[in-house]
Structures are given as C-alpha cells and as structure tokens.
C-alpha cells in the first residue's frame, strides 16, 4: 500500500524567506502599498506582520538577485513541485 503524502507541510518564515518567495509576494503587495515584514535577530525570525508602505517595488539589484535565487530554488526543487501537482491524478 502506498503512503499518502501530506497535502500541507508546515514551514518556517525563514524557509519562506530563503526560497525568495517572501520577496516575490512582497513585489505584488507593494502594488497595494502593503508588505509582509520579518523582523530578524541573528538570522532568527522574531516577529512577522503585515505593514503599510509608501514605496513601490525594489531596487534593480534586489530584483535581479531575487529572480536569480528564485530560479535556482525552482531548478533545485522542480521534481518535488511537479510531483506535488500530480498528487491525486
């Protein structure tokens, strides 16, 4: 009998940040004048909250780094991502 893979796997805010998904989500939220803030202390998330912002978007350097690192995450995890979307088919 095959073991079912859980549909939800709890992750940390650091995991979310390290994949560059926080940057990606904040790119969209900036359109509406919002963002998700992670307060860090020595690499540990101490607090997380939504915030209003007056700026829109990131610097070109941050955008380039974000795209490169998110692409690397996708490249390294494409098999898991592909398997996840095929669960139940």
N, C-alpha and C. Protein backbone atom coordinates (compact mmCIF):
# COMPACT_ATOMS: atom_id res chain seq x y z
N UNK A 1 0.83 -1.17 0.00
CA UNK A 1 0.00 0.00 0.00
C UNK A 1 0.88 1.25 0.00
N UNK A 2 0.53 2.20 -0.85
CA UNK A 2 1.29 3.43 -0.98
C UNK A 2 0.94 4.41 0.14
N UNK A 3 1.97 5.05 0.72
CA UNK A 3 1.75 6.05 1.76
C UNK A 3 1.39 7.37 1.11
N UNK A 4 0.32 7.99 1.60
CA UNK A 4 -0.10 9.29 1.07
C UNK A 4 0.81 10.40 1.56
N UNK A 5 1.17 11.28 0.66
CA UNK A 5 1.98 12.44 1.00
C UNK A 5 1.05 13.50 1.60
N UNK A 6 1.47 14.14 2.69
CA UNK A 6 0.60 15.17 3.28
C UNK A 6 0.37 16.32 2.30
N UNK A 7 -0.84 16.87 2.30
CA UNK A 7 -1.16 17.97 1.41
C UNK A 7 -0.62 19.29 1.91
N UNK A 8 -0.38 19.38 3.20
CA UNK A 8 0.16 20.61 3.79
C UNK A 8 1.36 20.24 4.64
N UNK A 9 2.48 20.90 4.39
CA UNK A 9 3.68 20.70 5.18
C UNK A 9 4.06 22.04 5.80
N UNK A 10 4.03 22.11 7.11
CA UNK A 10 4.35 23.36 7.80
C UNK A 10 5.81 23.74 7.55
N UNK A 11 6.02 25.00 7.23
CA UNK A 11 7.36 25.54 7.00
C UNK A 11 7.57 26.74 7.92
N UNK A 12 8.80 27.17 8.04
CA UNK A 12 9.11 28.34 8.87
C UNK A 12 9.12 29.59 8.00
N UNK A 13 9.06 30.75 8.66
CA UNK A 13 9.19 32.01 7.94
C UNK A 13 10.57 32.11 7.30
N UNK A 14 11.57 31.54 7.95
CA UNK A 14 12.92 31.55 7.35
C UNK A 14 12.94 30.74 6.06
N UNK A 15 12.25 29.59 6.04
CA UNK A 15 12.15 28.80 4.81
C UNK A 15 11.53 29.64 3.69
N UNK A 16 10.44 30.33 4.03
CA UNK A 16 9.72 31.14 3.06
C UNK A 16 10.61 32.26 2.52
N UNK A 17 11.35 32.89 3.41
CA UNK A 17 12.27 33.97 3.03
C UNK A 17 13.42 33.42 2.18
N UNK A 18 14.00 32.30 2.60
CA UNK A 18 15.17 31.75 1.92
C UNK A 18 14.87 31.27 0.50
N UNK A 19 13.64 30.88 0.22
CA UNK A 19 13.27 30.46 -1.14
C UNK A 19 13.09 31.64 -2.06
N UNK A 20 13.04 32.85 -1.51
CA UNK A 20 12.78 34.13 -2.20
C UNK A 20 11.29 34.33 -2.47
N UNK A 21 10.45 33.48 -1.88
CA UNK A 21 9.01 33.66 -2.05
C UNK A 21 8.49 34.88 -1.29
N UNK A 22 9.13 35.23 -0.18
CA UNK A 22 8.73 36.44 0.53
C UNK A 22 8.94 37.66 -0.37
N UNK A 23 10.09 37.72 -1.03
CA UNK A 23 10.36 38.80 -1.97
C UNK A 23 9.31 38.82 -3.07
N UNK A 24 8.98 37.66 -3.62
CA UNK A 24 8.01 37.57 -4.72
C UNK A 24 6.62 38.06 -4.27
N UNK A 25 6.19 37.63 -3.10
CA UNK A 25 4.89 38.05 -2.56
C UNK A 25 4.90 39.56 -2.29
N UNK A 26 5.99 40.05 -1.72
CA UNK A 26 6.06 41.48 -1.42
C UNK A 26 6.06 42.34 -2.69
N UNK A 27 6.59 41.81 -3.78
CA UNK A 27 6.53 42.54 -5.06
C UNK A 27 5.07 42.83 -5.41
N UNK A 28 4.22 41.86 -5.23
CA UNK A 28 2.79 42.02 -5.53
C UNK A 28 2.12 42.92 -4.51
N UNK A 29 2.42 42.71 -3.23
CA UNK A 29 1.79 43.52 -2.19
C UNK A 29 2.15 45.00 -2.30
N UNK A 30 3.35 45.30 -2.81
CA UNK A 30 3.77 46.70 -2.98
C UNK A 30 2.80 47.46 -3.89
N UNK A 31 2.21 46.78 -4.84
CA UNK A 31 1.24 47.41 -5.73
C UNK A 31 0.11 48.07 -4.94
N UNK A 32 -0.25 47.46 -3.82
CA UNK A 32 -1.34 47.94 -3.00
C UNK A 32 -0.87 48.74 -1.78
N UNK A 33 0.45 48.97 -1.71
CA UNK A 33 1.00 49.72 -0.58
C UNK A 33 1.14 48.90 0.69
N UNK A 34 1.32 47.61 0.53
CA UNK A 34 1.47 46.69 1.66
C UNK A 34 2.74 45.85 1.50
N UNK A 35 3.15 45.21 2.58
CA UNK A 35 4.22 44.21 2.54
C UNK A 35 4.10 43.32 3.78
N UNK A 36 4.82 42.23 3.74
CA UNK A 36 4.99 41.37 4.92
C UNK A 36 6.39 41.63 5.44
N UNK A 37 6.49 41.98 6.71
CA UNK A 37 7.77 42.30 7.34
C UNK A 37 8.19 41.15 8.24
N UNK A 38 9.44 40.72 8.10
CA UNK A 38 10.04 39.76 9.04
C UNK A 38 11.09 40.51 9.83
N UNK A 39 10.93 40.58 11.13
CA UNK A 39 11.97 41.16 11.98
C UNK A 39 12.91 40.03 12.38
N UNK A 40 14.18 40.20 12.03
CA UNK A 40 15.18 39.17 12.24
C UNK A 40 16.16 39.59 13.32
N UNK A 41 16.69 38.60 14.06
CA UNK A 41 17.74 38.82 15.03
C UNK A 41 18.71 37.66 14.92
N UNK A 42 19.91 37.94 14.40
CA UNK A 42 20.92 36.89 14.18
C UNK A 42 20.37 35.73 13.36
N UNK A 43 19.63 36.05 12.30
CA UNK A 43 19.12 35.03 11.40
C UNK A 43 17.86 34.32 11.88
N UNK A 44 17.32 34.74 13.02
CA UNK A 44 16.12 34.12 13.58
C UNK A 44 14.96 35.10 13.47
N UNK A 45 13.82 34.63 12.96
CA UNK A 45 12.65 35.49 12.85
C UNK A 45 12.08 35.73 14.24
N UNK A 46 12.03 36.98 14.63
CA UNK A 46 11.50 37.37 15.95
C UNK A 46 10.04 37.81 15.87
N UNK A 47 9.63 38.35 14.72
CA UNK A 47 8.26 38.80 14.56
C UNK A 47 7.95 38.86 13.07
N UNK A 48 6.68 38.75 12.75
CA UNK A 48 6.22 38.82 11.37
C UNK A 48 4.87 39.51 11.37
N UNK A 49 4.71 40.49 10.46
CA UNK A 49 3.44 41.22 10.43
C UNK A 49 3.26 41.92 9.08
N UNK A 50 2.01 42.18 8.71
CA UNK A 50 1.76 42.98 7.52
C UNK A 50 1.98 44.45 7.85
N UNK A 51 2.40 45.23 6.87
CA UNK A 51 2.65 46.65 7.10
C UNK A 51 2.26 47.46 5.86
N UNK A 52 1.91 48.70 6.09
CA UNK A 52 1.67 49.65 5.00
C UNK A 52 3.02 50.26 4.62
N UNK A 53 3.21 50.49 3.33
CA UNK A 53 4.45 51.09 2.84
C UNK A 53 4.13 52.21 1.87
N UNK A 54 5.02 53.18 1.79
CA UNK A 54 4.84 54.27 0.84
C UNK A 54 5.62 54.02 -0.44
N UNK A 55 6.59 53.11 -0.41
CA UNK A 55 7.39 52.82 -1.59
C UNK A 55 6.73 51.73 -2.43
N UNK A 56 7.13 51.65 -3.67
CA UNK A 56 6.62 50.63 -4.58
C UNK A 56 7.81 49.96 -5.26
N UNK A 57 7.93 48.65 -5.05
CA UNK A 57 8.98 47.90 -5.73
C UNK A 57 10.31 47.91 -5.00
N UNK A 58 11.26 47.24 -5.61
CA UNK A 58 12.60 47.08 -5.06
C UNK A 58 13.62 47.65 -6.02
N UNK A 59 14.86 47.76 -5.56
CA UNK A 59 15.94 48.23 -6.43
C UNK A 59 16.21 47.21 -7.53
N UNK A 60 16.85 47.65 -8.59
CA UNK A 60 17.20 46.75 -9.68
C UNK A 60 18.09 45.61 -9.18
N UNK A 61 19.01 45.93 -8.29
CA UNK A 61 19.91 44.90 -7.73
C UNK A 61 19.12 43.83 -6.97
N UNK A 62 18.15 44.27 -6.15
CA UNK A 62 17.33 43.33 -5.38
C UNK A 62 16.46 42.48 -6.31
N UNK A 63 15.90 43.11 -7.35
CA UNK A 63 15.08 42.38 -8.32
C UNK A 63 15.90 41.31 -9.03
N UNK A 64 17.08 41.69 -9.50
CA UNK A 64 17.94 40.73 -10.21
C UNK A 64 18.32 39.57 -9.30
N UNK A 65 18.74 39.88 -8.07
CA UNK A 65 19.09 38.84 -7.11
C UNK A 65 17.88 37.93 -6.82
N UNK A 66 16.72 38.54 -6.65
CA UNK A 66 15.51 37.76 -6.37
C UNK A 66 15.17 36.79 -7.48
N UNK A 67 15.20 37.28 -8.73
CA UNK A 67 14.91 36.40 -9.86
C UNK A 67 15.92 35.26 -9.97
N UNK A 68 17.20 35.58 -9.81
CA UNK A 68 18.23 34.54 -9.91
C UNK A 68 18.07 33.48 -8.82
N UNK A 69 17.84 33.94 -7.58
CA UNK A 69 17.73 32.99 -6.47
C UNK A 69 16.43 32.20 -6.52
N UNK A 70 15.34 32.82 -6.95
CA UNK A 70 14.08 32.08 -7.09
C UNK A 70 14.19 31.06 -8.21
N UNK A 71 14.86 31.41 -9.29
CA UNK A 71 15.08 30.47 -10.39
C UNK A 71 15.90 29.28 -9.91
N UNK A 72 16.93 29.53 -9.11
CA UNK A 72 17.74 28.43 -8.56
C UNK A 72 16.89 27.53 -7.65
N UNK A 73 16.01 28.14 -6.83
CA UNK A 73 15.12 27.35 -5.99
C UNK A 73 14.23 26.45 -6.85
N UNK A 74 13.65 27.04 -7.89
CA UNK A 74 12.78 26.25 -8.77
C UNK A 74 13.55 25.13 -9.45
N UNK A 75 14.75 25.43 -9.92
CA UNK A 75 15.60 24.43 -10.58
C UNK A 75 15.91 23.27 -9.63
N UNK A 76 16.22 23.60 -8.39
CA UNK A 76 16.58 22.57 -7.41
C UNK A 76 15.39 21.77 -6.90
N UNK A 77 14.18 22.32 -7.02
CA UNK A 77 13.01 21.68 -6.44
C UNK A 77 11.94 21.30 -7.45
N UNK A 78 12.27 21.35 -8.74
CA UNK A 78 11.27 21.12 -9.77
C UNK A 78 10.63 19.73 -9.69
N UNK A 79 11.40 18.72 -9.31
CA UNK A 79 10.83 17.38 -9.22
C UNK A 79 9.76 17.31 -8.13
N UNK A 80 10.04 17.89 -6.96
CA UNK A 80 9.06 17.91 -5.87
C UNK A 80 7.83 18.72 -6.27
N UNK A 81 8.05 19.88 -6.90
CA UNK A 81 6.94 20.73 -7.32
C UNK A 81 6.08 20.00 -8.33
N UNK A 82 6.72 19.35 -9.29
CA UNK A 82 5.99 18.59 -10.30
C UNK A 82 5.21 17.43 -9.67
N UNK A 83 5.84 16.73 -8.75
CA UNK A 83 5.15 15.62 -8.07
C UNK A 83 3.95 16.12 -7.26
N UNK A 84 4.10 17.28 -6.61
CA UNK A 84 3.01 17.85 -5.81
C UNK A 84 1.77 18.12 -6.65
N UNK A 85 1.95 18.65 -7.85
CA UNK A 85 0.78 18.99 -8.67
C UNK A 85 0.14 17.76 -9.30
N UNK A 86 0.85 16.65 -9.28
CA UNK A 86 0.30 15.42 -9.85
C UNK A 86 -0.33 14.49 -8.81
N UNK A 87 -0.31 14.90 -7.54
CA UNK A 87 -0.92 14.09 -6.49
C UNK A 87 -2.42 14.01 -6.75
N UNK A 88 -2.93 12.80 -6.72
CA UNK A 88 -4.38 12.60 -6.88
C UNK A 88 -4.84 12.46 -8.32
N UNK A 89 -3.93 12.56 -9.27
CA UNK A 89 -4.33 12.41 -10.68
C UNK A 89 -4.41 10.95 -11.06
